[in-house]
Amino acid sequence: MLLLTELTEIMKTYCKSPAGIKNSARSTFGYSKLKINPGTMEALTSTSAFKAFEQHCCILQKLELIGMHIDERVQFFVNIYNTLTGAM
């Protein structure tokens, strides 16, 4: 949940910035749709918030999934998928 919260805050902050306003548009559901291009990615990945998000993602490599029940593993990977795709 922490990763999704951090990613959401990164995107909100960027969409409110001058570059984000220029590269985003509102969808019919009221969400911001961000046009991702090399300049946008460079701006996003250079922020301290993104660097913290990246460090937290690296911690995932150390998780022991072997001891987890199948239902827990499914929930874990669904949460990872939702975080990476921005599904909320």
PDB file of N, CA and C in Angstrom:
ATOM      1  N   MET A   1       0.820  -1.191   0.000  1.00  0.00           N
ATOM      2  CA  MET A   1       0.000   0.000   0.000  1.00  0.00           C
ATOM      3  C   MET A   1       0.871   1.265   0.000  1.00  0.00           C
ATOM      4  N   LEU A   2       2.000   1.191   0.691  1.00  0.00           N
ATOM      5  CA  LEU A   2       2.907   2.334   0.741  1.00  0.00           C
ATOM      6  C   LEU A   2       3.393   2.703  -0.656  1.00  0.00           C
ATOM      7  N   LEU A   3       3.713   1.701  -1.463  1.00  0.00           N
ATOM      8  CA  LEU A   3       4.211   1.977  -2.814  1.00  0.00           C
ATOM      9  C   LEU A   3       3.159   2.664  -3.659  1.00  0.00           C
ATOM     10  N   LEU A   4       1.929   2.201  -3.568  1.00  0.00           N
ATOM     11  CA  LEU A   4       0.851   2.808  -4.344  1.00  0.00           C
ATOM     12  C   LEU A   4       0.601   4.245  -3.894  1.00  0.00           C
ATOM     13  N   THR A   5       0.649   4.472  -2.600  1.00  0.00           N
ATOM     14  CA  THR A   5       0.472   5.831  -2.061  1.00  0.00           C
ATOM     15  C   THR A   5       1.593   6.747  -2.555  1.00  0.00           C
ATOM     16  N   GLU A   6       2.838   6.256  -2.510  1.00  0.00           N
ATOM     17  CA  GLU A   6       3.966   7.068  -2.978  1.00  0.00           C
ATOM     18  C   GLU A   6       3.840   7.371  -4.465  1.00  0.00           C
ATOM     19  N   LEU A   7       3.488   6.358  -5.242  1.00  0.00           N
ATOM     20  CA  LEU A   7       3.350   6.557  -6.684  1.00  0.00           C
ATOM     21  C   LEU A   7       2.228   7.545  -6.999  1.00  0.00           C
ATOM     22  N   THR A   8       1.145   7.453  -6.276  1.00  0.00           N
ATOM     23  CA  THR A   8       0.023   8.377  -6.462  1.00  0.00           C
ATOM     24  C   THR A   8       0.459   9.808  -6.168  1.00  0.00           C
ATOM     25  N   GLU A   9       1.201  10.005  -5.090  1.00  0.00           N
ATOM     26  CA  GLU A   9       1.673  11.343  -4.731  1.00  0.00           C
ATOM     27  C   GLU A   9       2.655  11.891  -5.770  1.00  0.00           C
ATOM     28  N   ILE A  10       3.516  11.039  -6.288  1.00  0.00           N
ATOM     29  CA  ILE A  10       4.452  11.467  -7.336  1.00  0.00           C
ATOM     30  C   ILE A  10       3.670  11.969  -8.541  1.00  0.00           C
ATOM     31  N   MET A  11       2.680  11.199  -8.957  1.00  0.00           N
ATOM     32  CA  MET A  11       1.898  11.563 -10.140  1.00  0.00           C
ATOM     33  C   MET A  11       1.070  12.827  -9.897  1.00  0.00           C
ATOM     34  N   LYS A  12       0.465  12.941  -8.725  1.00  0.00           N
ATOM     35  CA  LYS A  12      -0.327  14.149  -8.407  1.00  0.00           C
ATOM     36  C   LYS A  12       0.555  15.391  -8.440  1.00  0.00           C
ATOM     37  N   THR A  13       1.725  15.289  -7.811  1.00  0.00           N
ATOM     38  CA  THR A  13       2.646  16.425  -7.769  1.00  0.00           C
ATOM     39  C   THR A  13       3.088  16.808  -9.179  1.00  0.00           C
ATOM     40  N   TYR A  14       3.432  15.801  -9.978  1.00  0.00           N
ATOM     41  CA  TYR A  14       3.873  16.093 -11.338  1.00  0.00           C
ATOM     42  C   TYR A  14       2.747  16.712 -12.168  1.00  0.00           C
ATOM     43  N   CYS A  15       1.542  16.177 -12.064  1.00  0.00           N
ATOM     44  CA  CYS A  15       0.424  16.689 -12.872  1.00  0.00           C
ATOM     45  C   CYS A  15       0.072  18.127 -12.522  1.00  0.00           C
ATOM     46  N   LYS A  16       0.414  18.556 -11.309  1.00  0.00           N
ATOM     47  CA  LYS A  16       0.155  19.943 -10.900  1.00  0.00           C
ATOM     48  C   LYS A  16       1.294  20.882 -11.295  1.00  0.00           C
ATOM     49  N   SER A  17       2.433  20.331 -11.705  1.00  0.00           N
ATOM     50  CA  SER A  17       3.575  21.160 -12.096  1.00  0.00           C
ATOM     51  C   SER A  17       3.336  21.721 -13.498  1.00  0.00           C
ATOM     52  N   PRO A  18       4.062  22.779 -13.888  1.00  0.00           N
ATOM     53  CA  PRO A  18       3.892  23.341 -15.239  1.00  0.00           C
ATOM     54  C   PRO A  18       4.096  22.305 -16.344  1.00  0.00           C
ATOM     55  N   ALA A  19       5.111  21.461 -16.216  1.00  0.00           N
ATOM     56  CA  ALA A  19       5.343  20.427 -17.236  1.00  0.00           C
ATOM     57  C   ALA A  19       4.216  19.406 -17.238  1.00  0.00           C
ATOM     58  N   GLY A  20       3.736  19.059 -16.056  1.00  0.00           N
ATOM     59  CA  GLY A  20       2.652  18.090 -15.949  1.00  0.00           C
ATOM     60  C   GLY A  20       1.350  18.612 -16.528  1.00  0.00           C
ATOM     61  N   ILE A  21       1.068  19.881 -16.303  1.00  0.00           N
ATOM     62  CA  ILE A  21      -0.146  20.489 -16.857  1.00  0.00           C
ATOM     63  C   ILE A  21      -0.087  20.451 -18.382  1.00  0.00           C
ATOM     64  N   LYS A  22       1.093  20.710 -18.921  1.00  0.00           N
ATOM     65  CA  LYS A  22       1.268  20.695 -20.372  1.00  0.00           C
ATOM     66  C   LYS A  22       1.120  19.281 -20.952  1.00  0.00           C
ATOM     67  N   ASN A  23       1.540  18.258 -20.206  1.00  0.00           N
ATOM     68  CA  ASN A  23       1.555  16.887 -20.705  1.00  0.00           C
ATOM     69  C   ASN A  23       0.386  16.023 -20.224  1.00  0.00           C
ATOM     70  N   SER A  24      -0.579  16.614 -19.539  1.00  0.00           N
ATOM     71  CA  SER A  24      -1.684  15.800 -19.045  1.00  0.00           C
ATOM     72  C   SER A  24      -3.019  16.379 -19.497  1.00  0.00           C
ATOM     73  N   ALA A  25      -4.017  15.530 -19.465  1.00  0.00           N
ATOM     74  CA  ALA A  25      -5.379  15.930 -19.811  1.00  0.00           C
ATOM     75  C   ALA A  25      -6.330  15.168 -18.904  1.00  0.00           C
ATOM     76  N   ARG A  26      -7.505  15.706 -18.689  1.00  0.00           N
ATOM     77  CA  ARG A  26      -8.506  15.031 -17.857  1.00  0.00           C
ATOM     78  C   ARG A  26      -9.272  14.016 -18.693  1.00  0.00           C
ATOM     79  N   SER A  27      -9.477  12.834 -18.119  1.00  0.00           N
ATOM     80  CA  SER A  27     -10.285  11.825 -18.794  1.00  0.00           C
ATOM     81  C   SER A  27     -11.754  12.122 -18.534  1.00  0.00           C
ATOM     82  N   THR A  28     -12.623  11.370 -19.177  1.00  0.00           N
ATOM     83  CA  THR A  28     -14.062  11.570 -18.976  1.00  0.00           C
ATOM     84  C   THR A  28     -14.482  11.217 -17.554  1.00  0.00           C
ATOM     85  N   PHE A  29     -13.666  10.450 -16.834  1.00  0.00           N
ATOM     86  CA  PHE A  29     -13.982  10.074 -15.458  1.00  0.00           C
ATOM     87  C   PHE A  29     -13.343  11.016 -14.438  1.00  0.00           C
ATOM     88  N   GLY A  30     -12.671  12.073 -14.906  1.00  0.00           N
ATOM     89  CA  GLY A  30     -12.069  13.047 -14.007  1.00  0.00           C
ATOM     90  C   GLY A  30     -10.636  12.752 -13.601  1.00  0.00           C
ATOM     91  N   TYR A  31     -10.073  11.654 -14.085  1.00  0.00           N
ATOM     92  CA  TYR A  31      -8.685  11.322 -13.781  1.00  0.00           C
ATOM     93  C   TYR A  31      -7.761  12.034 -14.756  1.00  0.00           C
ATOM     94  N   SER A  32      -6.535  12.284 -14.306  1.00  0.00           N
ATOM     95  CA  SER A  32      -5.539  12.858 -15.201  1.00  0.00           C
ATOM     96  C   SER A  32      -4.937  11.760 -16.057  1.00  0.00           C
ATOM     97  N   LYS A  33      -4.865  12.015 -17.339  1.00  0.00           N
ATOM     98  CA  LYS A  33      -4.188  11.102 -18.257  1.00  0.00           C
ATOM     99  C   LYS A  33      -2.878  11.761 -18.635  1.00  0.00           C
ATOM    100  N   LEU A  34      -1.792  11.094 -18.404  1.00  0.00           N
ATOM    101  CA  LEU A  34      -0.470  11.661 -18.613  1.00  0.00           C
ATOM    102  C   LEU A  34       0.141  11.106 -19.887  1.00  0.00           C
ATOM    103  N   LYS A  35       0.583  12.016 -20.748  1.00  0.00           N
ATOM    104  CA  LYS A  35       1.297  11.602 -21.961  1.00  0.00           C
ATOM    105  C   LYS A  35       2.745  11.341 -21.563  1.00  0.00           C
ATOM    106  N   ILE A  36       3.158  10.095 -21.680  1.00  0.00           N
ATOM    107  CA  ILE A  36       4.518   9.733 -21.296  1.00  0.00           C
ATOM    108  C   ILE A  36       5.436   9.807 -22.513  1.00  0.00           C
ATOM    109  N   ASN A  37       6.433  10.648 -22.406  1.00  0.00           N
ATOM    110  CA  ASN A  37       7.457  10.752 -23.440  1.00  0.00           C
ATOM    111  C   ASN A  37       8.806  10.805 -22.722  1.00  0.00           C
ATOM    112  N   PRO A  38       9.911  10.746 -23.436  1.00  0.00           N
ATOM    113  CA  PRO A  38      11.214  10.738 -22.758  1.00  0.00           C
ATOM    114  C   PRO A  38      11.420  11.918 -21.801  1.00  0.00           C
ATOM    115  N   GLY A  39      10.976  13.091 -22.181  1.00  0.00           N
ATOM    116  CA  GLY A  39      11.127  14.256 -21.306  1.00  0.00           C
ATOM    117  C   GLY A  39      10.314  14.126 -20.039  1.00  0.00           C
ATOM    118  N   THR A  40       9.113  13.581 -20.164  1.00  0.00           N
ATOM    119  CA  THR A  40       8.246  13.367 -19.008  1.00  0.00           C
ATOM    120  C   THR A  40       8.882  12.357 -18.060  1.00  0.00           C
ATOM    121  N   MET A  41       9.374  11.254 -18.612  1.00  0.00           N
ATOM    122  CA  MET A  41      10.009  10.235 -17.778  1.00  0.00           C
ATOM    123  C   MET A  41      11.239  10.787 -17.070  1.00  0.00           C
ATOM    124  N   GLU A  42      12.009  11.582 -17.779  1.00  0.00           N
ATOM    125  CA  GLU A  42      13.206  12.173 -17.167  1.00  0.00           C
ATOM    126  C   GLU A  42      12.819  13.080 -16.006  1.00  0.00           C
ATOM    127  N   ALA A  43      11.777  13.877 -16.188  1.00  0.00           N
ATOM    128  CA  ALA A  43      11.324  14.775 -15.122  1.00  0.00           C
ATOM    129  C   ALA A  43      10.815  13.987 -13.919  1.00  0.00           C
ATOM    130  N   LEU A  44      10.060  12.933 -14.172  1.00  0.00           N
ATOM    131  CA  LEU A  44       9.516  12.124 -13.078  1.00  0.00           C
ATOM    132  C   LEU A  44      10.610  11.376 -12.320  1.00  0.00           C
ATOM    133  N   THR A  45      11.513  10.754 -13.046  1.00  0.00           N
ATOM    134  CA  THR A  45      12.521   9.921 -12.398  1.00  0.00           C
ATOM    135  C   THR A  45      13.621  10.725 -11.709  1.00  0.00           C
ATOM    136  N   SER A  46      13.692  12.006 -11.963  1.00  0.00           N
ATOM    137  CA  SER A  46      14.725  12.817 -11.322  1.00  0.00           C
ATOM    138  C   SER A  46      14.281  13.384  -9.979  1.00  0.00           C
ATOM    139  N   THR A  47      13.027  13.162  -9.592  1.00  0.00           N
ATOM    140  CA  THR A  47      12.533  13.711  -8.323  1.00  0.00           C
ATOM    141  C   THR A  47      12.981  12.844  -7.154  1.00  0.00           C
ATOM    142  N   SER A  48      13.104  13.467  -5.989  1.00  0.00           N
ATOM    143  CA  SER A  48      13.483  12.708  -4.788  1.00  0.00           C
ATOM    144  C   SER A  48      12.376  11.735  -4.398  1.00  0.00           C
ATOM    145  N   ALA A  49      11.137  12.087  -4.658  1.00  0.00           N
ATOM    146  CA  ALA A  49      10.021  11.191  -4.339  1.00  0.00           C
ATOM    147  C   ALA A  49      10.108   9.906  -5.171  1.00  0.00           C
ATOM    148  N   PHE A  50      10.475  10.027  -6.444  1.00  0.00           N
ATOM    149  CA  PHE A  50      10.605   8.841  -7.281  1.00  0.00           C
ATOM    150  C   PHE A  50      11.776   7.981  -6.827  1.00  0.00           C
ATOM    151  N   LYS A  51      12.868   8.624  -6.423  1.00  0.00           N
ATOM    152  CA  LYS A  51      14.025   7.866  -5.954  1.00  0.00           C
ATOM    153  C   LYS A  51      13.672   7.061  -4.692  1.00  0.00           C
ATOM    154  N   ALA A  52      12.875   7.648  -3.800  1.00  0.00           N
ATOM    155  CA  ALA A  52      12.425   6.920  -2.605  1.00  0.00           C
ATOM    156  C   ALA A  52      11.520   5.754  -3.005  1.00  0.00           C
ATOM    157  N   PHE A  53      10.634   5.988  -3.961  1.00  0.00           N
ATOM    158  CA  PHE A  53       9.759   4.933  -4.468  1.00  0.00           C
ATOM    159  C   PHE A  53      10.595   3.791  -5.049  1.00  0.00           C
ATOM    160  N   GLU A  54      11.609   4.145  -5.802  1.00  0.00           N
ATOM    161  CA  GLU A  54      12.480   3.148  -6.418  1.00  0.00           C
ATOM    162  C   GLU A  54      13.200   2.307  -5.359  1.00  0.00           C
ATOM    163  N   GLN A  55      13.659   2.957  -4.286  1.00  0.00           N
ATOM    164  CA  GLN A  55      14.334   2.229  -3.208  1.00  0.00           C
ATOM    165  C   GLN A  55      13.368   1.266  -2.518  1.00  0.00           C
ATOM    166  N   HIS A  56      12.136   1.718  -2.301  1.00  0.00           N
ATOM    167  CA  HIS A  56      11.154   0.841  -1.677  1.00  0.00           C
ATOM    168  C   HIS A  56      10.831  -0.353  -2.576  1.00  0.00           C
ATOM    169  N   CYS A  57      10.806  -0.135  -3.872  1.00  0.00           N
ATOM    170  CA  CYS A  57      10.566  -1.244  -4.804  1.00  0.00           C
ATOM    171  C   CYS A  57      11.692  -2.271  -4.740  1.00  0.00           C
ATOM    172  N   CYS A  58      12.912  -1.817  -4.547  1.00  0.00           N
ATOM    173  CA  CYS A  58      14.059  -2.729  -4.469  1.00  0.00           C
ATOM    174  C   CYS A  58      13.956  -3.657  -3.259  1.00  0.00           C
ATOM    175  N   ILE A  59      13.303  -3.214  -2.213  1.00  0.00           N
ATOM    176  CA  ILE A  59      13.130  -4.048  -1.018  1.00  0.00           C
ATOM    177  C   ILE A  59      12.310  -5.290  -1.345  1.00  0.00           C
ATOM    178  N   LEU A  60      11.450  -5.199  -2.353  1.00  0.00           N
ATOM    179  CA  LEU A  60      10.610  -6.335  -2.731  1.00  0.00           C
ATOM    180  C   LEU A  60      11.432  -7.561  -3.116  1.00  0.00           C
ATOM    181  N   GLN A  61      12.652  -7.337  -3.593  1.00  0.00           N
ATOM    182  CA  GLN A  61      13.517  -8.457  -3.989  1.00  0.00           C
ATOM    183  C   GLN A  61      13.874  -9.356  -2.816  1.00  0.00           C
ATOM    184  N   LYS A  62      13.820  -8.827  -1.614  1.00  0.00           N
ATOM    185  CA  LYS A  62      14.237  -9.575  -0.434  1.00  0.00           C
ATOM    186  C   LYS A  62      13.098 -10.362   0.223  1.00  0.00           C
ATOM    187  N   LEU A  63      11.900 -10.227  -0.294  1.00  0.00           N
ATOM    188  CA  LEU A  63      10.772 -10.918   0.312  1.00  0.00           C
ATOM    189  C   LEU A  63      10.855 -12.418   0.086  1.00  0.00           C
ATOM    190  N   GLU A  64      10.506 -13.173   1.107  1.00  0.00           N
ATOM    191  CA  GLU A  64      10.452 -14.633   1.019  1.00  0.00           C
ATOM    192  C   GLU A  64       9.021 -15.030   0.690  1.00  0.00           C
ATOM    193  N   LEU A  65       8.794 -15.465  -0.528  1.00  0.00           N
ATOM    194  CA  LEU A  65       7.454 -15.855  -0.956  1.00  0.00           C
ATOM    195  C   LEU A  65       7.175 -17.332  -0.711  1.00  0.00           C
ATOM    196  N   ILE A  66       8.216 -18.113  -0.468  1.00  0.00           N
ATOM    197  CA  ILE A  66       8.062 -19.562  -0.323  1.00  0.00           C
ATOM    198  C   ILE A  66       7.143 -19.907   0.852  1.00  0.00           C
ATOM    199  N   GLY A  67       7.252 -19.205   1.947  1.00  0.00           N
ATOM    200  CA  GLY A  67       6.445 -19.502   3.128  1.00  0.00           C
ATOM    201  C   GLY A  67       5.020 -18.960   3.065  1.00  0.00           C
ATOM    202  N   MET A  68       4.713 -18.213   2.028  1.00  0.00           N
ATOM    203  CA  MET A  68       3.383 -17.612   1.927  1.00  0.00           C
ATOM    204  C   MET A  68       2.373 -18.616   1.376  1.00  0.00           C
ATOM    205  N   HIS A  69       1.172 -18.536   1.884  1.00  0.00           N
ATOM    206  CA  HIS A  69       0.060 -19.346   1.364  1.00  0.00           C
ATOM    207  C   HIS A  69      -0.256 -18.853  -0.047  1.00  0.00           C
ATOM    208  N   ILE A  70      -0.828 -19.715  -0.872  1.00  0.00           N
ATOM    209  CA  ILE A  70      -1.136 -19.354  -2.267  1.00  0.00           C
ATOM    210  C   ILE A  70      -2.019 -18.111  -2.344  1.00  0.00           C
ATOM    211  N   ASP A  71      -2.996 -17.982  -1.448  1.00  0.00           N
ATOM    212  CA  ASP A  71      -3.869 -16.802  -1.454  1.00  0.00           C
ATOM    213  C   ASP A  71      -3.092 -15.521  -1.153  1.00  0.00           C
ATOM    214  N   GLU A  72      -2.131 -15.612  -0.246  1.00  0.00           N
ATOM    215  CA  GLU A  72      -1.298 -14.454   0.083  1.00  0.00           C
ATOM    216  C   GLU A  72      -0.419 -14.060  -1.104  1.00  0.00           C
ATOM    217  N   ARG A  73       0.114 -15.061  -1.799  1.00  0.00           N
ATOM    218  CA  ARG A  73       0.949 -14.767  -2.971  1.00  0.00           C
ATOM    219  C   ARG A  73       0.135 -14.104  -4.073  1.00  0.00           C
ATOM    220  N   VAL A  74      -1.081 -14.598  -4.287  1.00  0.00           N
ATOM    221  CA  VAL A  74      -1.952 -13.995  -5.303  1.00  0.00           C
ATOM    222  C   VAL A  74      -2.235 -12.542  -4.935  1.00  0.00           C
ATOM    223  N   GLN A  75      -2.599 -12.282  -3.690  1.00  0.00           N
ATOM    224  CA  GLN A  75      -2.859 -10.907  -3.250  1.00  0.00           C
ATOM    225  C   GLN A  75      -1.625 -10.029  -3.421  1.00  0.00           C
ATOM    226  N   PHE A  76      -0.470 -10.577  -3.070  1.00  0.00           N
ATOM    227  CA  PHE A  76       0.783  -9.838  -3.201  1.00  0.00           C
ATOM    228  C   PHE A  76       1.017  -9.411  -4.649  1.00  0.00           C
ATOM    229  N   PHE A  77       0.914 -10.365  -5.581  1.00  0.00           N
ATOM    230  CA  PHE A  77       1.198 -10.053  -6.972  1.00  0.00           C
ATOM    231  C   PHE A  77       0.114  -9.190  -7.616  1.00  0.00           C
ATOM    232  N   VAL A  78      -1.122  -9.320  -7.169  1.00  0.00           N
ATOM    233  CA  VAL A  78      -2.177  -8.426  -7.664  1.00  0.00           C
ATOM    234  C   VAL A  78      -1.883  -6.998  -7.217  1.00  0.00           C
ATOM    235  N   ASN A  79      -1.433  -6.826  -5.979  1.00  0.00           N
ATOM    236  CA  ASN A  79      -1.086  -5.490  -5.496  1.00  0.00           C
ATOM    237  C   ASN A  79       0.099  -4.908  -6.266  1.00  0.00           C
ATOM    238  N   ILE A  80       1.098  -5.741  -6.566  1.00  0.00           N
ATOM    239  CA  ILE A  80       2.234  -5.279  -7.359  1.00  0.00           C
ATOM    240  C   ILE A  80       1.761  -4.852  -8.737  1.00  0.00           C
ATOM    241  N   TYR A  81       0.940  -5.681  -9.359  1.00  0.00           N
ATOM    242  CA  TYR A  81       0.404  -5.361 -10.684  1.00  0.00           C
ATOM    243  C   TYR A  81      -0.362  -4.036 -10.653  1.00  0.00           C
ATOM    244  N   ASN A  82      -1.235  -3.873  -9.666  1.00  0.00           N
ATOM    245  CA  ASN A  82      -2.016  -2.639  -9.577  1.00  0.00           C
ATOM    246  C   ASN A  82      -1.129  -1.419  -9.376  1.00  0.00           C
ATOM    247  N   THR A  83      -0.078  -1.572  -8.592  1.00  0.00           N
ATOM    248  CA  THR A  83       0.851  -0.458  -8.388  1.00  0.00           C
ATOM    249  C   THR A  83       1.558  -0.098  -9.687  1.00  0.00           C
ATOM    250  N   LEU A  84       2.031  -1.088 -10.408  1.00  0.00           N
ATOM    251  CA  LEU A  84       2.777  -0.825 -11.635  1.00  0.00           C
ATOM    252  C   LEU A  84       1.902  -0.298 -12.760  1.00  0.00           C
ATOM    253  N   THR A  85       0.653  -0.686 -12.792  1.00  0.00           N
ATOM    254  CA  THR A  85      -0.231  -0.223 -13.871  1.00  0.00           C
ATOM    255  C   THR A  85      -1.027   1.005 -13.471  1.00  0.00           C
ATOM    256  N   GLY A  86      -0.959   1.389 -12.201  1.00  0.00           N
ATOM    257  CA  GLY A  86      -1.710   2.563 -11.755  1.00  0.00           C
ATOM    258  C   GLY A  86      -3.173   2.280 -11.518  1.00  0.00           C
ATOM    259  N   ALA A  87      -3.571   1.030 -11.513  1.00  0.00           N
ATOM    260  CA  ALA A  87      -4.973   0.680 -11.255  1.00  0.00           C
ATOM    261  C   ALA A  87      -5.288   0.945  -9.799  1.00  0.00           C
ATOM    262  N   MET A  88      -6.417   1.561  -9.554  1.00  0.00           N
ATOM    263  CA  MET A  88      -6.810   1.850  -8.170  1.00  0.00           C
ATOM    264  C   MET A  88      -8.237   1.465  -7.949  1.00  0.00           C
TER     265      MET A  88
END
